[in-house]
Amino acid sequence: MEYYNRIKELTKFVPTGLVDFSLPRDSARTPTQASSNFITNREQGDWAENLIFRAINETSKNYVAVKYGKSDNLVAGEDGFDTFYQEFQNELNTIGKRPDLLIFKKSEFDTSLGEDISKFPHTEITEYVKKAIAGIEVRSSAFLIDRYDTVMQARTEKYTTLALQIRNKILYDYQDLFEHSTRKKYVPLLEAITTETLSITNFRTPSWGSSSRLIELTAQFKELKNAIKEIHKRDFLSITPKVEDIKVVYKWIETFNVPHYYFQVFFDKVFGISFEHIIKIISDPDKEGIIFSIESDTKNQNKTTIKIKSKSGIPIASKVLEPMHSSIRKEMDRGRLLFYVTFKGGTAFLDIDKLCSILNIDTRTF
């Protein structure tokens, strides 16, 4: 139980305001209606899982990826969904959240169970699961990360230049207005604005309006404030563990003592990070706003999500060939129609050295 005990010790340092491991997890309400966007996101997630599954099994000689995560094609509103969802919740309380994939040594792989054990009751495969060398939670993101980074860098440079230009204009063109005692305090604030301090600069915009020049000055401050707001926006794509999942992942580790990892699949690259590293990151408040942020995810029912800078992880695939995609029509029981996108194919070119590094596997034996 060495791995579990190490994780257990690390959880003691996680702020209880973020995740309180001493409390039971919050119960979840059964969804009542699915949306086209929800199904598209699920299809994208299934594609990402299959991408990693195929990449490992087509590349490795001595290891096998096995599908394990609880899944079903049912959606909210269909017959049988309520039963499936309640069984899923019961399993979360009993063994925790199954990762999407398990990695086994071929010598431990049970051919009679095959490469998909996701439908097996947990009671039938408990001892087998404990033989896995890794559990992988696969997350997907509908971005090209290299393109995103290029655009965000250009955006930051643009608004940094603009902010410094506005600061200089205010100090030079309106210096006489700052001689007034009530406005002098803005001078040191403006003088302190540099390329290095813009990311932490904040102030309340004045609302002067008793003369035309003061109105102009107020407008300049508003432009400066808007430029700084753009600089403050998160400028990195992320690996995205939901806060509510931290407890159930920990529960799974407690049950099986198998190392757990998150793999974030973009449409051009794949990054991986260990659950152990995630716990270390979120335990350090000095890293918030730099390496991770905590946000309410509008794309996921406003659930609180930890967003960790992807490049804090390890690039386990430096190239991904995009899949084919097509539109699907789904008719619900009352005649309601849903249209969503499904994905097929694509290839992840694994960096074997880095994949083995994150999974603690000797490259020569992979």
Protein backbone atom coordinates (compact mmCIF):
# COMPACT_ATOMS: atom_id res chain seq x y z
CA MET A 1 0.00 0.00 0.00
CA GLU A 2 3.01 2.27 -0.40
CA TYR A 3 1.43 4.30 -3.23
CA TYR A 4 -1.88 4.80 -1.42
CA ASN A 5 -0.13 5.80 1.82
CA ARG A 6 1.91 8.39 -0.09
CA ILE A 7 -1.25 9.88 -1.62
CA LYS A 8 -2.98 9.79 1.78
CA GLU A 9 -0.19 11.87 3.31
CA LEU A 10 -0.34 14.39 0.46
CA THR A 11 -4.10 14.90 0.87
CA LYS A 12 -3.46 16.34 4.34
CA PHE A 13 -2.00 19.43 2.69
CA VAL A 14 -4.91 20.11 0.32
CA PRO A 15 -6.89 23.15 1.55
CA THR A 16 -10.18 21.94 3.03
CA GLY A 17 -11.91 24.87 1.34
CA LEU A 18 -11.06 23.21 -1.97
CA VAL A 19 -11.42 19.51 -1.10
CA ASP A 20 -12.31 18.27 2.39
CA PHE A 21 -11.42 14.57 2.43
CA SER A 22 -12.95 14.16 5.90
CA LEU A 23 -16.46 14.75 4.55
CA PRO A 24 -18.51 12.34 2.42
CA ARG A 25 -18.91 13.35 -1.19
CA ASP A 26 -21.98 15.35 -2.12
CA SER A 27 -24.80 13.34 -3.63
CA ALA A 28 -25.55 14.05 -7.27
CA ARG A 29 -28.95 14.71 -8.80
CA THR A 30 -29.96 12.48 -11.68
CA PRO A 31 -29.89 14.47 -14.95
CA THR A 32 -33.34 14.76 -16.49
CA GLN A 33 -32.58 15.82 -20.07
CA ALA A 34 -29.59 15.50 -22.38
CA SER A 35 -28.51 18.14 -24.90
CA SER A 36 -26.83 17.88 -28.28
CA ASN A 37 -23.77 19.62 -26.83
CA PHE A 38 -23.57 17.09 -23.97
CA ILE A 39 -23.67 14.13 -26.36
CA THR A 40 -21.07 15.71 -28.66
CA ASN A 41 -18.77 16.22 -25.67
CA ARG A 42 -19.31 12.60 -24.64
CA GLU A 43 -18.55 11.41 -28.16
CA GLN A 44 -15.37 13.49 -28.17
CA GLY A 45 -14.38 11.98 -24.83
CA ASP A 46 -15.03 8.46 -26.13
CA TRP A 47 -12.89 9.23 -29.18
CA ALA A 48 -10.03 10.52 -26.99
CA GLU A 49 -10.20 7.40 -24.81
CA ASN A 50 -10.11 5.16 -27.87
CA LEU A 51 -7.22 7.18 -29.31
CA ILE A 52 -5.03 6.45 -26.27
CA PHE A 53 -6.28 2.85 -26.08
CA ARG A 54 -5.25 2.18 -29.69
CA ALA A 55 -1.97 4.08 -29.44
CA ILE A 56 -0.75 2.01 -26.49
CA ASN A 57 -1.92 -1.36 -27.82
CA GLU A 58 -0.52 -0.72 -31.30
CA THR A 59 2.84 0.43 -29.92
CA SER A 60 3.66 -1.66 -26.85
CA LYS A 61 5.04 -5.19 -26.95
CA ASN A 62 4.75 -5.92 -23.24
CA TYR A 63 1.79 -3.88 -21.96
CA VAL A 64 -1.93 -3.87 -22.72
CA ALA A 65 -4.48 -1.06 -22.35
CA VAL A 66 -7.90 -2.25 -21.18
CA LYS A 67 -11.14 -0.26 -21.22
CA TYR A 68 -12.43 -0.03 -17.65
CA GLY A 69 -14.38 3.19 -17.06
CA LYS A 70 -18.10 2.95 -16.44
CA SER A 71 -19.93 4.00 -19.60
CA ASP A 72 -23.18 3.50 -21.45
CA ASN A 73 -24.79 4.85 -24.61
CA LEU A 74 -27.92 5.83 -22.69
CA VAL A 75 -28.61 9.52 -22.15
CA ALA A 76 -30.86 11.34 -19.69
CA GLY A 77 -34.48 10.94 -20.71
CA GLU A 78 -34.12 7.46 -22.18
CA ASP A 79 -35.54 4.30 -20.61
CA GLY A 80 -33.03 2.67 -18.30
CA PHE A 81 -30.91 5.78 -17.74
CA ASP A 82 -32.11 6.40 -14.17
CA THR A 83 -31.18 2.84 -13.16
CA PHE A 84 -27.78 3.08 -14.84
CA TYR A 85 -27.06 6.44 -13.20
CA GLN A 86 -28.04 5.24 -9.72
CA GLU A 87 -25.85 2.15 -10.08
CA PHE A 88 -23.00 4.42 -11.14
CA GLN A 89 -23.49 6.60 -8.05
CA ASN A 90 -23.56 3.54 -5.80
CA GLU A 91 -20.31 2.32 -7.30
CA LEU A 92 -18.68 5.73 -6.74
CA ASN A 93 -19.53 5.43 -3.05
CA THR A 94 -18.22 1.86 -2.87
CA ILE A 95 -14.96 1.76 -4.85
CA GLY A 96 -14.57 5.29 -6.21
CA LYS A 97 -14.42 6.42 -9.84
CA ARG A 98 -13.06 3.95 -12.34
CA PRO A 99 -10.40 5.49 -14.61
CA ASP A 100 -11.16 5.11 -18.29
CA LEU A 101 -8.24 2.77 -18.98
CA LEU A 102 -6.10 0.31 -17.06
CA ILE A 103 -2.59 -0.68 -18.12
CA PHE A 104 -1.51 -4.27 -17.47
CA LYS A 105 1.70 -6.14 -18.09
CA LYS A 106 0.96 -8.74 -20.74
CA SER A 107 1.97 -11.39 -18.24
CA GLU A 108 -0.93 -10.22 -16.00
CA PHE A 109 -3.45 -9.65 -18.79
CA ASP A 110 -6.47 -11.96 -18.60
CA THR A 111 -7.33 -12.85 -22.20
CA SER A 112 -10.61 -14.43 -21.09
CA LEU A 113 -11.82 -11.00 -19.91
CA GLY A 114 -10.51 -9.24 -23.00
CA GLU A 115 -9.65 -5.60 -23.65
CA ASP A 116 -12.95 -4.18 -22.35
CA ILE A 117 -14.00 -4.88 -18.75
CA SER A 118 -16.15 -1.76 -18.40
CA LYS A 119 -19.39 -3.76 -18.16
CA PHE A 120 -18.15 -6.18 -15.48
CA PRO A 121 -19.48 -5.62 -11.94
CA HIS A 122 -16.66 -4.38 -9.73
CA THR A 123 -17.11 -7.34 -7.38
CA GLU A 124 -16.08 -9.75 -10.15
CA ILE A 125 -12.82 -8.02 -11.11
CA THR A 126 -11.50 -6.49 -7.88
CA GLU A 127 -8.40 -8.69 -7.58
CA TYR A 128 -7.69 -8.40 -11.29
CA VAL A 129 -7.83 -4.59 -11.22
CA LYS A 130 -5.28 -4.56 -8.39
CA LYS A 131 -2.75 -6.13 -10.78
CA ALA A 132 -2.82 -3.09 -13.11
CA ILE A 133 0.29 -0.90 -13.17
CA ALA A 134 -1.68 2.29 -13.95
CA GLY A 135 -5.16 3.75 -14.22
CA ILE A 136 -5.64 6.51 -16.79
CA GLU A 137 -8.43 9.09 -16.80
CA VAL A 138 -8.65 10.48 -20.34
CA ARG A 139 -9.95 14.02 -20.79
CA SER A 140 -10.50 15.75 -24.12
CA SER A 141 -10.33 19.34 -25.32
CA ALA A 142 -11.58 20.73 -28.63
CA PHE A 143 -8.46 22.82 -29.22
CA LEU A 144 -5.21 22.78 -31.14
CA ILE A 145 -2.89 23.65 -28.27
CA ASP A 146 -0.03 24.97 -30.41
CA ARG A 147 -2.38 27.32 -32.26
CA TYR A 148 -3.93 28.44 -28.98
CA ASP A 149 -0.53 29.21 -27.44
CA THR A 150 0.51 31.27 -30.48
CA VAL A 151 -2.68 33.35 -30.37
CA MET A 152 -2.52 33.86 -26.59
CA GLN A 153 1.09 34.98 -26.74
CA ALA A 154 0.22 37.51 -29.46
CA ARG A 155 -2.78 38.71 -27.40
CA THR A 156 -0.65 39.24 -24.29
CA GLU A 157 2.00 41.11 -26.26
CA LYS A 158 -0.66 43.29 -27.92
CA TYR A 159 -2.34 44.35 -24.69
CA THR A 160 0.95 44.76 -22.85
CA THR A 161 2.12 47.22 -25.51
CA LEU A 162 -1.25 49.01 -25.44
CA ALA A 163 -1.32 49.28 -21.63
CA LEU A 164 2.17 50.75 -21.46
CA GLN A 165 1.33 53.24 -24.24
CA ILE A 166 -1.79 54.40 -22.38
CA ARG A 167 0.12 54.68 -19.09
CA ASN A 168 2.76 56.89 -20.76
CA LYS A 169 0.08 59.03 -22.43
CA ILE A 170 -1.72 59.60 -19.12
CA LEU A 171 1.46 60.54 -17.27
CA TYR A 172 2.67 62.88 -20.05
CA ASP A 173 -0.49 64.47 -21.45
CA TYR A 174 -2.36 64.94 -18.16
CA GLN A 175 0.44 65.55 -15.68
CA ASP A 176 -0.99 68.93 -14.68
CA LEU A 177 -4.23 67.28 -13.52
CA PHE A 178 -2.29 65.12 -11.07
CA GLU A 179 -1.09 68.16 -9.17
CA HIS A 180 -4.45 68.19 -7.40
CA SER A 181 -4.24 66.55 -3.96
CA THR A 182 -7.07 64.07 -4.64
CA ARG A 183 -5.41 62.80 -7.81
CA LYS A 184 -1.75 62.64 -6.76
CA LYS A 185 -2.13 59.07 -5.48
CA TYR A 186 -2.50 57.82 -9.06
CA VAL A 187 1.02 58.87 -10.04
CA PRO A 188 2.95 56.19 -8.07
CA LEU A 189 0.37 53.62 -9.18
CA LEU A 190 0.97 54.48 -12.83
CA GLU A 191 4.75 54.69 -12.42
CA ALA A 192 4.74 51.19 -10.91
CA ILE A 193 3.15 49.69 -14.03
CA THR A 194 5.77 47.76 -16.00
CA THR A 195 5.83 44.71 -18.24
CA GLU A 196 6.57 42.62 -15.14
CA THR A 197 3.85 44.11 -12.91
CA LEU A 198 0.96 44.27 -15.39
CA SER A 199 -0.15 40.72 -14.50
CA ILE A 200 -0.81 41.78 -10.89
CA THR A 201 -1.83 45.41 -11.40
CA ASN A 202 -5.36 46.33 -10.35
CA PHE A 203 -7.12 49.58 -9.48
CA ARG A 204 -10.55 51.14 -9.35
CA THR A 205 -11.27 53.30 -12.37
CA PRO A 206 -11.90 56.95 -11.42
CA SER A 207 -15.09 58.65 -12.60
CA TRP A 208 -14.10 62.28 -12.99
CA GLY A 209 -16.44 64.38 -15.13
CA SER A 210 -16.31 68.04 -14.03
CA SER A 211 -14.31 69.17 -17.08
CA SER A 212 -13.68 67.97 -20.62
CA ARG A 213 -10.05 67.05 -19.85
CA LEU A 214 -11.05 65.10 -16.74
CA ILE A 215 -13.60 63.23 -18.85
CA GLU A 216 -10.81 62.43 -21.32
CA LEU A 217 -8.56 61.28 -18.48
CA THR A 218 -11.28 59.01 -17.10
CA ALA A 219 -11.68 57.47 -20.55
CA GLN A 220 -7.92 56.82 -20.69
CA PHE A 221 -8.04 55.06 -17.32
CA LYS A 222 -10.93 52.90 -18.57
CA GLU A 223 -8.93 51.89 -21.65
CA LEU A 224 -5.96 51.06 -19.42
CA LYS A 225 -8.17 48.99 -17.13
CA ASN A 226 -9.65 47.07 -20.08
CA ALA A 227 -6.19 46.29 -21.48
CA ILE A 228 -5.06 45.01 -18.07
CA LYS A 229 -8.18 42.82 -17.81
CA GLU A 230 -7.20 41.15 -21.08
CA ILE A 231 -3.73 40.46 -19.71
CA HIS A 232 -5.23 38.94 -16.53
CA LYS A 233 -7.30 36.39 -18.45
CA ARG A 234 -6.08 32.79 -18.24
CA ASP A 235 -3.77 32.26 -21.20
CA PHE A 236 -3.18 28.51 -21.03
CA LEU A 237 -5.11 25.39 -21.93
CA SER A 238 -5.49 23.00 -19.08
CA ILE A 239 -5.72 19.51 -17.69
CA THR A 240 -9.12 19.61 -16.02
CA PRO A 241 -9.89 17.42 -13.01
CA LYS A 242 -13.27 18.35 -11.52
CA VAL A 243 -13.17 19.13 -7.80
CA GLU A 244 -15.94 16.59 -7.17
CA ASP A 245 -13.82 13.91 -8.86
CA ILE A 246 -10.81 14.37 -6.58
CA LYS A 247 -12.55 12.51 -3.74
CA VAL A 248 -13.78 9.62 -5.87
CA VAL A 249 -10.39 9.20 -7.57
CA TYR A 250 -8.82 9.11 -4.10
CA LYS A 251 -11.44 6.51 -3.07
CA TRP A 252 -10.46 4.36 -6.08
CA ILE A 253 -6.78 4.61 -5.17
CA GLU A 254 -7.64 3.66 -1.59
CA THR A 255 -9.52 0.61 -2.89
CA PHE A 256 -6.96 -0.67 -5.42
CA ASN A 257 -3.58 0.97 -4.62
CA VAL A 258 -2.92 1.50 -8.35
CA PRO A 259 -1.15 4.68 -9.56
CA HIS A 260 -3.57 7.09 -11.24
CA TYR A 261 -2.95 9.52 -14.11
CA TYR A 262 -4.79 12.13 -16.17
CA PHE A 263 -4.16 12.29 -19.92
CA GLN A 264 -5.45 15.45 -21.66
CA VAL A 265 -6.06 14.91 -25.36
CA PHE A 266 -5.98 17.91 -27.71
CA PHE A 267 -6.45 17.63 -31.44
CA ASP A 268 -2.71 18.05 -32.03
CA LYS A 269 -0.97 16.80 -28.83
CA VAL A 270 -1.51 14.79 -25.65
CA PHE A 271 -0.25 15.73 -22.17
CA GLY A 272 -0.13 13.53 -19.09
CA ILE A 273 0.14 14.23 -15.37
CA SER A 274 0.00 11.97 -12.33
CA PHE A 275 -2.72 12.32 -9.71
CA GLU A 276 0.11 12.59 -7.19
CA HIS A 277 1.47 15.65 -8.99
CA ILE A 278 -2.03 17.17 -9.18
CA ILE A 279 -2.40 16.89 -5.39
CA LYS A 280 1.00 18.52 -4.88
CA ILE A 281 0.08 21.41 -7.20
CA ILE A 282 -3.29 22.22 -5.62
CA SER A 283 -1.73 22.03 -2.14
CA ASP A 284 0.53 24.98 -2.96
CA PRO A 285 -1.36 28.30 -2.88
CA ASP A 286 1.63 30.06 -4.46
CA LYS A 287 0.95 28.14 -7.69
CA GLU A 288 -2.65 29.40 -8.01
CA GLY A 289 -2.99 31.83 -10.88
CA ILE A 290 0.34 30.66 -12.32
CA ILE A 291 0.12 26.90 -12.77
CA PHE A 292 -3.52 26.31 -11.88
CA SER A 293 -6.81 28.12 -11.44
CA ILE A 294 -10.15 27.15 -9.92
CA GLU A 295 -13.11 27.97 -12.10
CA SER A 296 -16.80 27.27 -12.54
CA ASP A 297 -16.99 25.36 -15.81
CA THR A 298 -19.98 26.56 -17.86
CA LYS A 299 -19.47 23.67 -20.29
CA ASN A 300 -19.96 21.16 -17.47
CA GLN A 301 -23.07 22.24 -15.54
CA ASN A 302 -21.01 24.99 -13.82
CA LYS A 303 -19.13 22.36 -11.81
CA THR A 304 -16.04 23.64 -10.03
CA THR A 305 -13.03 22.53 -12.02
CA ILE A 306 -9.30 22.67 -11.29
CA LYS A 307 -7.54 23.87 -14.43
CA ILE A 308 -3.86 22.95 -14.41
CA LYS A 309 -1.56 24.35 -17.07
CA SER A 310 -1.21 21.52 -19.59
CA LYS A 311 2.47 22.12 -20.09
CA SER A 312 3.02 21.42 -16.40
CA GLY A 313 2.42 17.85 -17.48
CA ILE A 314 4.45 15.67 -19.80
CA PRO A 315 3.84 15.70 -23.59
CA ILE A 316 3.25 11.99 -24.15
CA ALA A 317 2.19 12.47 -27.79
CA SER A 318 3.79 15.28 -29.76
CA LYS A 319 1.52 14.78 -32.76
CA VAL A 320 -2.11 13.78 -33.28
CA LEU A 321 -3.79 13.18 -36.61
CA GLU A 322 -7.35 14.49 -36.44
CA PRO A 323 -10.30 12.11 -36.70
CA MET A 324 -13.08 12.02 -39.27
CA HIS A 325 -16.33 13.49 -37.99
CA SER A 326 -19.99 13.25 -38.96
CA SER A 327 -23.41 14.39 -37.79
CA ILE A 328 -25.84 11.97 -36.12
CA ARG A 329 -29.60 12.33 -35.67
CA LYS A 330 -31.04 10.86 -32.45
CA GLU A 331 -34.78 10.64 -31.81
CA MET A 332 -35.88 10.66 -28.18
CA ASP A 333 -38.99 8.86 -26.92
CA ARG A 334 -41.32 11.88 -27.19
CA GLY A 335 -40.20 12.78 -30.69
CA ARG A 336 -37.55 15.28 -29.56
CA LEU A 337 -34.61 15.31 -31.95
CA LEU A 338 -30.96 15.69 -31.00
CA PHE A 339 -28.18 16.28 -33.52
CA TYR A 340 -24.62 15.74 -32.46
CA VAL A 341 -21.13 15.11 -33.82
CA THR A 342 -19.38 11.76 -33.66
CA PHE A 343 -15.66 11.09 -34.26
CA LYS A 344 -13.80 8.20 -35.83
CA GLY A 345 -10.15 7.38 -36.43
CA GLY A 346 -7.19 9.64 -35.84
CA THR A 347 -3.76 8.66 -34.55
CA ALA A 348 -1.68 9.69 -31.55
CA PHE A 349 2.08 9.37 -32.10
CA LEU A 350 3.36 8.45 -28.66
CA ASP A 351 6.66 9.70 -27.30
CA ILE A 352 7.65 6.36 -25.78
CA ASP A 353 10.39 7.78 -23.55
CA LYS A 354 8.07 10.36 -22.01
CA LEU A 355 5.15 7.95 -21.70
CA CYS A 356 7.37 5.46 -19.89
CA SER A 357 8.76 8.26 -17.72
CA ILE A 358 5.35 9.32 -16.43
CA LEU A 359 4.20 5.70 -15.91
CA ASN A 360 7.52 4.67 -14.29
CA ILE A 361 8.15 1.97 -16.90
CA ASP A 362 11.57 0.99 -18.21
CA THR A 363 11.56 2.07 -21.86
CA ARG A 364 13.42 -1.09 -22.84
CA THR A 365 10.56 -3.25 -21.57
CA PHE A 366 7.69 -1.27 -23.11
